[in-house]
Amino acid sequence: MIVYADATAIVKLYVTERGSSDVAELLTRAQIVGTSIISRVEVAAALARATRVGVLSATSGRAAQRAFARGWPDVAKVLVTEALINQAETVAWDHGLRGYDALQLASALTWKEAVGEDVFLATYDHELWDAAEDAGLRRWPEKFPR
């Protein structure tokens, strides 16, 4: 199984919440995991926010950020290029997505093309999850948690 994980899925590896163990299991089973280079800042921002609002203590937040940084080299990255931005612009219009969601979807589609196989898009963003199937990607989780 080849997985493209967006930031909402990756964060669950570092913040214990509903779906965290499912994401860990999925990524353990995956042959290869890819994400957009923008996920680095999205995950860092999510961890910083979780710390600011008290979901994580300052110590836990920094530890989560360090753990994420240690694992970052092990993830295949889709780089942001002019071609990717063009595709993101198109998918933003086609699927009514916000900017970073459009970049994530365009990155997942680029990843699928690069590996030449089906790709599971792992996301906990409802709009992105909806758009994934319409764009030709397999979605994970199979049913969106409510």
N, C-alpha and C. Protein backbone atom coordinates (compact mmCIF):
# COMPACT_ATOMS: atom_id res chain seq x y z
N MET A 1 0.84 -1.17 0.00
CA MET A 1 0.00 0.00 0.00
C MET A 1 0.89 1.24 0.00
N ILE A 2 0.55 2.19 -0.86
CA ILE A 2 1.27 3.45 -0.94
C ILE A 2 0.36 4.54 -0.38
N VAL A 3 0.91 5.32 0.54
CA VAL A 3 0.11 6.31 1.26
C VAL A 3 0.67 7.70 1.06
N TYR A 4 -0.22 8.62 0.77
CA TYR A 4 0.09 10.04 0.81
C TYR A 4 -0.62 10.56 2.05
N ALA A 5 0.12 11.09 3.00
CA ALA A 5 -0.45 11.57 4.25
C ALA A 5 -0.39 13.09 4.28
N ASP A 6 -1.54 13.72 4.51
CA ASP A 6 -1.52 15.17 4.67
C ASP A 6 -1.19 15.49 6.12
N ALA A 7 -1.10 16.77 6.43
CA ALA A 7 -0.69 17.19 7.77
C ALA A 7 -1.69 16.76 8.84
N THR A 8 -2.98 16.71 8.52
CA THR A 8 -3.96 16.31 9.53
C THR A 8 -3.76 14.88 9.97
N ALA A 9 -3.29 14.04 9.07
CA ALA A 9 -3.00 12.65 9.43
C ALA A 9 -1.67 12.57 10.17
N ILE A 10 -0.66 13.28 9.69
CA ILE A 10 0.66 13.21 10.31
C ILE A 10 0.62 13.69 11.76
N VAL A 11 -0.12 14.75 12.03
CA VAL A 11 -0.21 15.29 13.39
C VAL A 11 -0.66 14.23 14.38
N LYS A 12 -1.53 13.33 13.93
CA LYS A 12 -2.05 12.30 14.83
C LYS A 12 -0.96 11.35 15.32
N LEU A 13 0.18 11.35 14.68
CA LEU A 13 1.31 10.55 15.17
C LEU A 13 1.95 11.18 16.40
N TYR A 14 1.73 12.48 16.59
CA TYR A 14 2.43 13.22 17.64
C TYR A 14 1.51 13.80 18.70
N VAL A 15 0.21 13.82 18.42
CA VAL A 15 -0.80 14.27 19.38
C VAL A 15 -1.79 13.13 19.53
N THR A 16 -1.91 12.60 20.73
CA THR A 16 -2.82 11.49 20.95
C THR A 16 -4.25 12.01 20.96
N GLU A 17 -4.99 11.55 19.96
CA GLU A 17 -6.39 11.94 19.80
C GLU A 17 -7.09 10.85 19.00
N ARG A 18 -8.36 11.01 18.81
CA ARG A 18 -9.12 10.02 18.05
C ARG A 18 -8.47 9.82 16.68
N GLY A 19 -8.20 8.58 16.35
CA GLY A 19 -7.58 8.25 15.07
C GLY A 19 -6.08 8.07 15.13
N SER A 20 -5.44 8.44 16.23
CA SER A 20 -3.98 8.36 16.31
C SER A 20 -3.46 6.94 16.10
N SER A 21 -4.04 5.98 16.78
CA SER A 21 -3.55 4.60 16.63
C SER A 21 -3.83 4.06 15.23
N ASP A 22 -4.93 4.49 14.62
CA ASP A 22 -5.25 4.06 13.25
C ASP A 22 -4.22 4.59 12.26
N VAL A 23 -3.82 5.85 12.43
CA VAL A 23 -2.81 6.44 11.54
C VAL A 23 -1.48 5.71 11.72
N ALA A 24 -1.09 5.47 12.96
CA ALA A 24 0.17 4.78 13.22
C ALA A 24 0.17 3.40 12.55
N GLU A 25 -0.94 2.69 12.66
CA GLU A 25 -1.03 1.37 12.04
C GLU A 25 -0.96 1.47 10.52
N LEU A 26 -1.69 2.42 9.94
CA LEU A 26 -1.67 2.61 8.48
C LEU A 26 -0.26 2.88 7.98
N LEU A 27 0.42 3.81 8.62
CA LEU A 27 1.74 4.20 8.14
C LEU A 27 2.77 3.10 8.37
N THR A 28 2.55 2.26 9.37
CA THR A 28 3.43 1.11 9.59
C THR A 28 3.25 0.07 8.47
N ARG A 29 2.01 -0.10 8.02
CA ARG A 29 1.70 -1.07 6.95
C ARG A 29 2.11 -0.58 5.57
N ALA A 30 2.24 0.71 5.39
CA ALA A 30 2.52 1.29 4.08
C ALA A 30 3.90 0.88 3.56
N GLN A 31 3.97 0.61 2.27
CA GLN A 31 5.25 0.34 1.63
C GLN A 31 6.09 1.61 1.62
N ILE A 32 5.43 2.72 1.34
CA ILE A 32 6.10 4.01 1.29
C ILE A 32 5.07 5.08 1.63
N VAL A 33 5.54 6.12 2.29
CA VAL A 33 4.69 7.23 2.70
C VAL A 33 5.25 8.50 2.08
N GLY A 34 4.37 9.26 1.46
CA GLY A 34 4.76 10.54 0.89
C GLY A 34 3.88 11.65 1.43
N THR A 35 4.37 12.85 1.32
CA THR A 35 3.61 14.04 1.70
C THR A 35 4.19 15.23 0.96
N SER A 36 3.48 16.33 1.02
CA SER A 36 3.98 17.57 0.43
C SER A 36 5.01 18.19 1.36
N ILE A 37 5.95 18.86 0.79
CA ILE A 37 6.94 19.59 1.58
C ILE A 37 6.26 20.61 2.49
N ILE A 38 5.08 21.08 2.13
CA ILE A 38 4.36 22.06 2.96
C ILE A 38 3.85 21.44 4.25
N SER A 39 3.77 20.12 4.29
CA SER A 39 3.31 19.46 5.52
C SER A 39 4.25 19.76 6.69
N ARG A 40 5.50 20.04 6.38
CA ARG A 40 6.45 20.34 7.45
C ARG A 40 5.98 21.55 8.26
N VAL A 41 5.60 22.61 7.59
CA VAL A 41 5.15 23.80 8.30
C VAL A 41 3.74 23.62 8.86
N GLU A 42 2.90 22.89 8.14
CA GLU A 42 1.54 22.65 8.65
C GLU A 42 1.57 21.85 9.95
N VAL A 43 2.40 20.82 10.01
CA VAL A 43 2.50 20.01 11.23
C VAL A 43 3.11 20.84 12.36
N ALA A 44 4.17 21.58 12.07
CA ALA A 44 4.79 22.42 13.09
C ALA A 44 3.78 23.43 13.64
N ALA A 45 3.00 24.04 12.77
CA ALA A 45 1.99 25.01 13.20
C ALA A 45 0.91 24.34 14.05
N ALA A 46 0.50 23.14 13.66
CA ALA A 46 -0.52 22.42 14.44
C ALA A 46 0.00 22.04 15.81
N LEU A 47 1.26 21.61 15.89
CA LEU A 47 1.83 21.26 17.19
C LEU A 47 1.99 22.51 18.06
N ALA A 48 2.40 23.61 17.46
CA ALA A 48 2.53 24.87 18.22
C ALA A 48 1.17 25.33 18.73
N ARG A 49 0.15 25.19 17.89
CA ARG A 49 -1.20 25.59 18.32
C ARG A 49 -1.70 24.68 19.43
N ALA A 50 -1.47 23.38 19.31
CA ALA A 50 -1.89 22.45 20.36
C ALA A 50 -1.22 22.80 21.68
N THR A 51 -0.01 23.29 21.62
CA THR A 51 0.69 23.72 22.82
C THR A 51 0.09 25.02 23.37
N ARG A 52 -0.18 25.96 22.48
CA ARG A 52 -0.75 27.25 22.92
C ARG A 52 -2.11 27.09 23.59
N VAL A 53 -2.94 26.18 23.06
CA VAL A 53 -4.30 26.03 23.61
C VAL A 53 -4.36 25.01 24.73
N GLY A 54 -3.24 24.41 25.09
CA GLY A 54 -3.20 23.52 26.25
C GLY A 54 -3.49 22.06 25.98
N VAL A 55 -3.61 21.67 24.71
CA VAL A 55 -3.78 20.25 24.39
C VAL A 55 -2.49 19.50 24.74
N LEU A 56 -1.37 20.15 24.49
CA LEU A 56 -0.05 19.62 24.86
C LEU A 56 0.60 20.61 25.82
N SER A 57 1.35 20.09 26.77
CA SER A 57 2.15 20.97 27.62
C SER A 57 3.30 21.52 26.78
N ALA A 58 3.97 22.55 27.26
CA ALA A 58 5.11 23.11 26.53
C ALA A 58 6.18 22.03 26.32
N THR A 59 6.42 21.22 27.34
CA THR A 59 7.42 20.15 27.24
C THR A 59 6.98 19.10 26.22
N SER A 60 5.73 18.69 26.29
CA SER A 60 5.22 17.69 25.34
C SER A 60 5.19 18.23 23.92
N GLY A 61 4.83 19.49 23.78
CA GLY A 61 4.80 20.10 22.45
C GLY A 61 6.17 20.14 21.81
N ARG A 62 7.17 20.54 22.57
CA ARG A 62 8.54 20.57 22.03
C ARG A 62 9.04 19.15 21.74
N ALA A 63 8.70 18.21 22.60
CA ALA A 63 9.10 16.81 22.36
C ALA A 63 8.43 16.28 21.09
N ALA A 64 7.16 16.62 20.89
CA ALA A 64 6.45 16.20 19.68
C ALA A 64 7.11 16.81 18.44
N GLN A 65 7.49 18.08 18.53
CA GLN A 65 8.14 18.74 17.40
C GLN A 65 9.49 18.08 17.09
N ARG A 66 10.24 17.75 18.12
CA ARG A 66 11.54 17.08 17.91
C ARG A 66 11.33 15.69 17.28
N ALA A 67 10.33 14.96 17.76
CA ALA A 67 10.04 13.63 17.20
C ALA A 67 9.64 13.74 15.73
N PHE A 68 8.82 14.73 15.43
CA PHE A 68 8.43 14.96 14.04
C PHE A 68 9.66 15.27 13.19
N ALA A 69 10.52 16.14 13.67
CA ALA A 69 11.73 16.51 12.93
C ALA A 69 12.63 15.30 12.69
N ARG A 70 12.72 14.40 13.68
CA ARG A 70 13.53 13.18 13.50
C ARG A 70 12.95 12.27 12.43
N GLY A 71 11.62 12.19 12.33
CA GLY A 71 10.99 11.31 11.36
C GLY A 71 10.87 11.90 9.96
N TRP A 72 11.02 13.22 9.86
CA TRP A 72 10.83 13.91 8.58
C TRP A 72 11.71 13.35 7.45
N PRO A 73 12.98 13.03 7.68
CA PRO A 73 13.81 12.50 6.59
C PRO A 73 13.31 11.16 6.02
N ASP A 74 12.49 10.43 6.77
CA ASP A 74 12.03 9.12 6.33
C ASP A 74 10.81 9.17 5.41
N VAL A 75 10.26 10.36 5.21
CA VAL A 75 9.05 10.53 4.40
C VAL A 75 9.45 11.05 3.03
N ALA A 76 8.88 10.46 1.97
CA ALA A 76 9.11 10.98 0.62
C ALA A 76 8.35 12.29 0.47
N LYS A 77 9.00 13.27 -0.12
CA LYS A 77 8.40 14.60 -0.23
C LYS A 77 8.08 14.97 -1.66
N VAL A 78 6.91 15.57 -1.83
CA VAL A 78 6.53 16.15 -3.12
C VAL A 78 6.88 17.63 -3.01
N LEU A 79 7.74 18.09 -3.90
CA LEU A 79 8.18 19.48 -3.87
C LEU A 79 7.17 20.40 -4.53
N VAL A 80 7.14 21.62 -4.08
CA VAL A 80 6.25 22.62 -4.67
C VAL A 80 6.98 23.24 -5.86
N THR A 81 6.40 23.06 -7.03
CA THR A 81 6.95 23.60 -8.27
C THR A 81 5.88 24.44 -8.96
N GLU A 82 6.26 25.11 -10.00
CA GLU A 82 5.28 25.89 -10.78
C GLU A 82 4.19 24.97 -11.34
N ALA A 83 4.58 23.79 -11.81
CA ALA A 83 3.59 22.84 -12.33
C ALA A 83 2.63 22.40 -11.22
N LEU A 84 3.13 22.17 -10.02
CA LEU A 84 2.27 21.77 -8.91
C LEU A 84 1.32 22.91 -8.55
N ILE A 85 1.81 24.13 -8.55
CA ILE A 85 0.96 25.29 -8.26
C ILE A 85 -0.14 25.41 -9.32
N ASN A 86 0.19 25.18 -10.57
CA ASN A 86 -0.82 25.22 -11.63
C ASN A 86 -1.90 24.17 -11.38
N GLN A 87 -1.47 22.96 -11.01
CA GLN A 87 -2.44 21.90 -10.73
C GLN A 87 -3.26 22.23 -9.49
N ALA A 88 -2.64 22.80 -8.47
CA ALA A 88 -3.36 23.18 -7.26
C ALA A 88 -4.39 24.26 -7.56
N GLU A 89 -4.05 25.18 -8.43
CA GLU A 89 -5.01 26.22 -8.83
C GLU A 89 -6.24 25.58 -9.48
N THR A 90 -5.99 24.60 -10.33
CA THR A 90 -7.10 23.91 -11.01
C THR A 90 -7.96 23.14 -10.02
N VAL A 91 -7.33 22.37 -9.12
CA VAL A 91 -8.12 21.58 -8.18
C VAL A 91 -8.84 22.45 -7.17
N ALA A 92 -8.29 23.62 -6.86
CA ALA A 92 -8.99 24.55 -5.96
C ALA A 92 -10.33 24.95 -6.58
N TRP A 93 -10.31 25.26 -7.86
CA TRP A 93 -11.55 25.62 -8.55
C TRP A 93 -12.46 24.40 -8.72
N ASP A 94 -11.89 23.29 -9.16
CA ASP A 94 -12.70 22.10 -9.45
C ASP A 94 -13.38 21.53 -8.22
N HIS A 95 -12.71 21.63 -7.06
CA HIS A 95 -13.22 20.98 -5.85
C HIS A 95 -13.57 21.95 -4.73
N GLY A 96 -13.44 23.24 -4.99
CA GLY A 96 -13.79 24.24 -3.97
C GLY A 96 -12.92 24.17 -2.73
N LEU A 97 -11.64 23.92 -2.92
CA LEU A 97 -10.73 23.75 -1.79
C LEU A 97 -10.02 25.04 -1.39
N ARG A 98 -9.66 25.12 -0.11
CA ARG A 98 -8.80 26.19 0.38
C ARG A 98 -7.39 25.98 -0.17
N GLY A 99 -6.55 26.99 -0.03
CA GLY A 99 -5.22 26.98 -0.64
C GLY A 99 -4.36 25.78 -0.29
N TYR A 100 -4.10 25.54 1.01
CA TYR A 100 -3.23 24.43 1.38
C TYR A 100 -3.89 23.09 1.08
N ASP A 101 -5.20 23.01 1.18
CA ASP A 101 -5.87 21.75 0.81
C ASP A 101 -5.69 21.47 -0.68
N ALA A 102 -5.78 22.51 -1.50
CA ALA A 102 -5.55 22.34 -2.94
C ALA A 102 -4.12 21.90 -3.22
N LEU A 103 -3.16 22.46 -2.48
CA LEU A 103 -1.76 22.04 -2.63
C LEU A 103 -1.57 20.58 -2.19
N GLN A 104 -2.25 20.19 -1.12
CA GLN A 104 -2.16 18.80 -0.67
C GLN A 104 -2.75 17.85 -1.72
N LEU A 105 -3.91 18.20 -2.27
CA LEU A 105 -4.52 17.33 -3.28
C LEU A 105 -3.65 17.26 -4.53
N ALA A 106 -3.16 18.39 -4.99
CA ALA A 106 -2.29 18.40 -6.17
C ALA A 106 -1.02 17.59 -5.89
N SER A 107 -0.49 17.68 -4.68
CA SER A 107 0.70 16.90 -4.32
C SER A 107 0.40 15.40 -4.32
N ALA A 108 -0.76 15.02 -3.79
CA ALA A 108 -1.14 13.60 -3.78
C ALA A 108 -1.30 13.08 -5.21
N LEU A 109 -1.88 13.88 -6.08
CA LEU A 109 -2.04 13.48 -7.48
C LEU A 109 -0.68 13.36 -8.17
N THR A 110 0.21 14.27 -7.87
CA THR A 110 1.57 14.21 -8.41
C THR A 110 2.30 12.97 -7.91
N TRP A 111 2.11 12.65 -6.62
CA TRP A 111 2.69 11.46 -6.01
C TRP A 111 2.18 10.21 -6.70
N LYS A 112 0.87 10.16 -6.95
CA LYS A 112 0.27 9.01 -7.64
C LYS A 112 0.89 8.84 -9.02
N GLU A 113 1.03 9.93 -9.74
CA GLU A 113 1.63 9.87 -11.08
C GLU A 113 3.09 9.41 -11.00
N ALA A 114 3.81 9.87 -10.01
CA ALA A 114 5.23 9.52 -9.87
C ALA A 114 5.42 8.04 -9.55
N VAL A 115 4.57 7.49 -8.68
CA VAL A 115 4.74 6.09 -8.31
C VAL A 115 4.06 5.14 -9.28
N GLY A 116 3.13 5.66 -10.07
CA GLY A 116 2.46 4.85 -11.08
C GLY A 116 1.56 3.78 -10.53
N GLU A 117 1.06 3.98 -9.32
CA GLU A 117 0.16 3.01 -8.68
C GLU A 117 -0.92 3.77 -7.93
N ASP A 118 -1.93 3.00 -7.47
CA ASP A 118 -2.95 3.61 -6.63
C ASP A 118 -2.31 4.16 -5.37
N VAL A 119 -2.85 5.27 -4.93
CA VAL A 119 -2.36 5.93 -3.72
C VAL A 119 -3.54 6.18 -2.80
N PHE A 120 -3.34 5.89 -1.53
CA PHE A 120 -4.33 6.22 -0.50
C PHE A 120 -3.99 7.60 0.03
N LEU A 121 -4.96 8.52 -0.01
CA LEU A 121 -4.78 9.82 0.61
C LEU A 121 -5.32 9.74 2.02
N ALA A 122 -4.41 9.82 2.99
CA ALA A 122 -4.78 9.79 4.41
C ALA A 122 -4.99 11.23 4.87
N THR A 123 -6.22 11.55 5.27
CA THR A 123 -6.54 12.89 5.72
C THR A 123 -7.69 12.87 6.70
N TYR A 124 -7.68 13.84 7.58
CA TYR A 124 -8.80 14.05 8.49
C TYR A 124 -9.43 15.41 8.21
N ASP A 125 -9.21 15.94 7.03
CA ASP A 125 -9.84 17.17 6.56
C ASP A 125 -11.02 16.75 5.67
N HIS A 126 -12.22 17.10 6.07
CA HIS A 126 -13.41 16.60 5.38
C HIS A 126 -13.47 17.04 3.92
N GLU A 127 -13.18 18.30 3.64
CA GLU A 127 -13.24 18.78 2.26
C GLU A 127 -12.21 18.08 1.38
N LEU A 128 -11.02 17.90 1.90
CA LEU A 128 -9.97 17.21 1.15
C LEU A 128 -10.33 15.74 0.96
N TRP A 129 -10.89 15.12 1.99
CA TRP A 129 -11.31 13.72 1.91
C TRP A 129 -12.37 13.55 0.82
N ASP A 130 -13.34 14.47 0.77
CA ASP A 130 -14.38 14.42 -0.26
C ASP A 130 -13.78 14.59 -1.66
N ALA A 131 -12.87 15.53 -1.81
CA ALA A 131 -12.28 15.82 -3.12
C ALA A 131 -11.38 14.69 -3.61
N ALA A 132 -10.78 13.95 -2.70
CA ALA A 132 -9.83 12.90 -3.09
C ALA A 132 -10.46 11.87 -4.02
N GLU A 133 -11.63 11.39 -3.66
CA GLU A 133 -12.27 10.37 -4.49
C GLU A 133 -12.62 10.92 -5.87
N ASP A 134 -13.17 12.13 -5.90
CA ASP A 134 -13.52 12.75 -7.18
C ASP A 134 -12.29 12.94 -8.07
N ALA A 135 -11.13 13.13 -7.44
CA ALA A 135 -9.89 13.35 -8.18
C ALA A 135 -9.20 12.05 -8.59
N GLY A 136 -9.73 10.90 -8.16
CA GLY A 136 -9.16 9.62 -8.56
C GLY A 136 -8.21 8.99 -7.58
N LEU A 137 -8.26 9.44 -6.33
CA LEU A 137 -7.43 8.84 -5.30
C LEU A 137 -8.28 7.95 -4.39
N ARG A 138 -7.64 7.00 -3.77
CA ARG A 138 -8.31 6.20 -2.74
C ARG A 138 -8.24 6.98 -1.44
N ARG A 139 -9.29 6.93 -0.67
CA ARG A 139 -9.34 7.71 0.56
C ARG A 139 -9.12 6.84 1.78
N TRP A 140 -8.48 7.45 2.74
CA TRP A 140 -8.31 6.81 4.05
C TRP A 140 -8.49 7.88 5.09
N PRO A 141 -9.27 7.64 6.13
CA PRO A 141 -10.00 6.41 6.42
C PRO A 141 -11.12 6.16 5.41
N GLU A 142 -11.53 4.90 5.34
CA GLU A 142 -12.55 4.52 4.36
C GLU A 142 -13.85 5.30 4.57
N LYS A 143 -14.23 5.47 5.84
CA LYS A 143 -15.40 6.29 6.18
C LYS A 143 -14.90 7.45 7.02
N PHE A 144 -15.37 8.65 6.67
CA PHE A 144 -14.87 9.83 7.40
C PHE A 144 -15.46 9.85 8.78
N PRO A 145 -14.62 9.97 9.82
CA PRO A 145 -15.13 9.99 11.19
C PRO A 145 -15.97 11.23 11.46
N ARG A 146 -17.06 11.03 12.12
CA ARG A 146 -17.95 12.16 12.46
C ARG A 146 -17.85 12.47 13.92
